[in-house]
């Protein structure tokens, strides 16, 4: 009986969606400074502009070569392990090795960029983007990270109300059905990606010849396992690798501002892009809570599309980010010419193929605070605002009990968190088992 009611409701929603899409406005309220057409064009250009800055207007791949002093191995590429389907095994092994190294040193050796970060400035060539143009929450633990970037011009208030301010956990598909084709294109212009950050230091490089930055600066290489922009078979051809320059860092105190400098340089010997990052109030300067968990693969899921039905939760201090992989409908092999999610969505809609477009827009991600009762305050899917994050992460109710399995000398890397029917690997945790259990149980109440 429940299934028939659900189907009836869903079919009714689809019929209503078709009617609403015909007359649905695609712009927020006009501002006095920007016309409707300018607003639309700026939002449609958002992803392309980010790409122009990040790639030196398409020249970045040429900068990474042995002749210029910037060689790289294939396993440094951001989607190398994603395409091999071994991110669960490799990332967990890296986390275990890092934990063992810390234990053997008898002291904590943490990444210099552990924290919750905003991005006031992103610049390269002749363009720049600031925090007036996008909201960025970059939460980095000593292992896993989630980097969320949402344009401020996105019509959030209208999309928040698509479901009348409510709806069950399976309502995202219904929200997409209520969007016009134009809205789906606008919605595609945002970004979130997650994975593992490897910190290293260069040695014995002749910087004066190859115009490299100081060897004293640490390097970060990011490996992606869930990525909004990634489409199967079209991996990024250069590493996501950059220098970390902290402001007024004396080596003992965590810095509150740092710059990300491109690893390779342009034809003038300059870093072709850089980003300024600032610590967000409430992350406790990386000295408080640190938590990184990833949903385990289930039996037959082992050989499924890597990145689909995947999920990660990271928290530093009071801040958390979450990400849930795309829910594919066996349509991800269409439109082989598309090199990114934005290109694929645009192509699919040109062919009146909304199913494929929506499938690629199904990835979810966002930010929130633990002190609010784990409530989401900024998300790719605005209709998730105000919800408990665990209702978006798990297939179970947030009222399900929590169990933590494992222990021994290996520390938290051996723990497995079970919430209802879902199991999660713990990559990093600054709490004891009992403290972590109490923290996760606090998701049931409105405030801690």
Foldseek 3Di string as FASTA:
>chain_A
DVVVVVVVVLVVLLVVLVVLQVPPDQADDDDPVADPVRLLVCLLCQQVVVVCLVCVNVCNLVLQDVVLPHDDDPVLFQCSCLLVLCQVPVLLVVLLVQLVVCVVVVHDDADLPAAWKWFQWKGFDPDIDGVQQWTWTWHDGRWKIKIWIGGPRQPLVVLLCLVPLDDALPCPVSSLSNHHLSNLLSLLRTWMWMGTKDKDFDPDDDCVRSLFDDSVWIKIWHHTQAILWAAPPQGDSDTPMWTKAADPDPPPARGFKIKTFAGGPDPVSGGRMMIIIGHDPQLVSQPDKWWKKKWDADDVRSPPNGQAQIKIWIGGGFKIKIKHGFPAPPPRVPPVVDNTLSSVSVVCVVVVNSNRSVRSSRIKMAMDTLQQLQAGCGISRSNRHRPRVVSNNDPDDLQFAKDWDDDDPSPQQGIWIDGPPIIMGISDTPDDPVVVRVSSNSSVDRGD
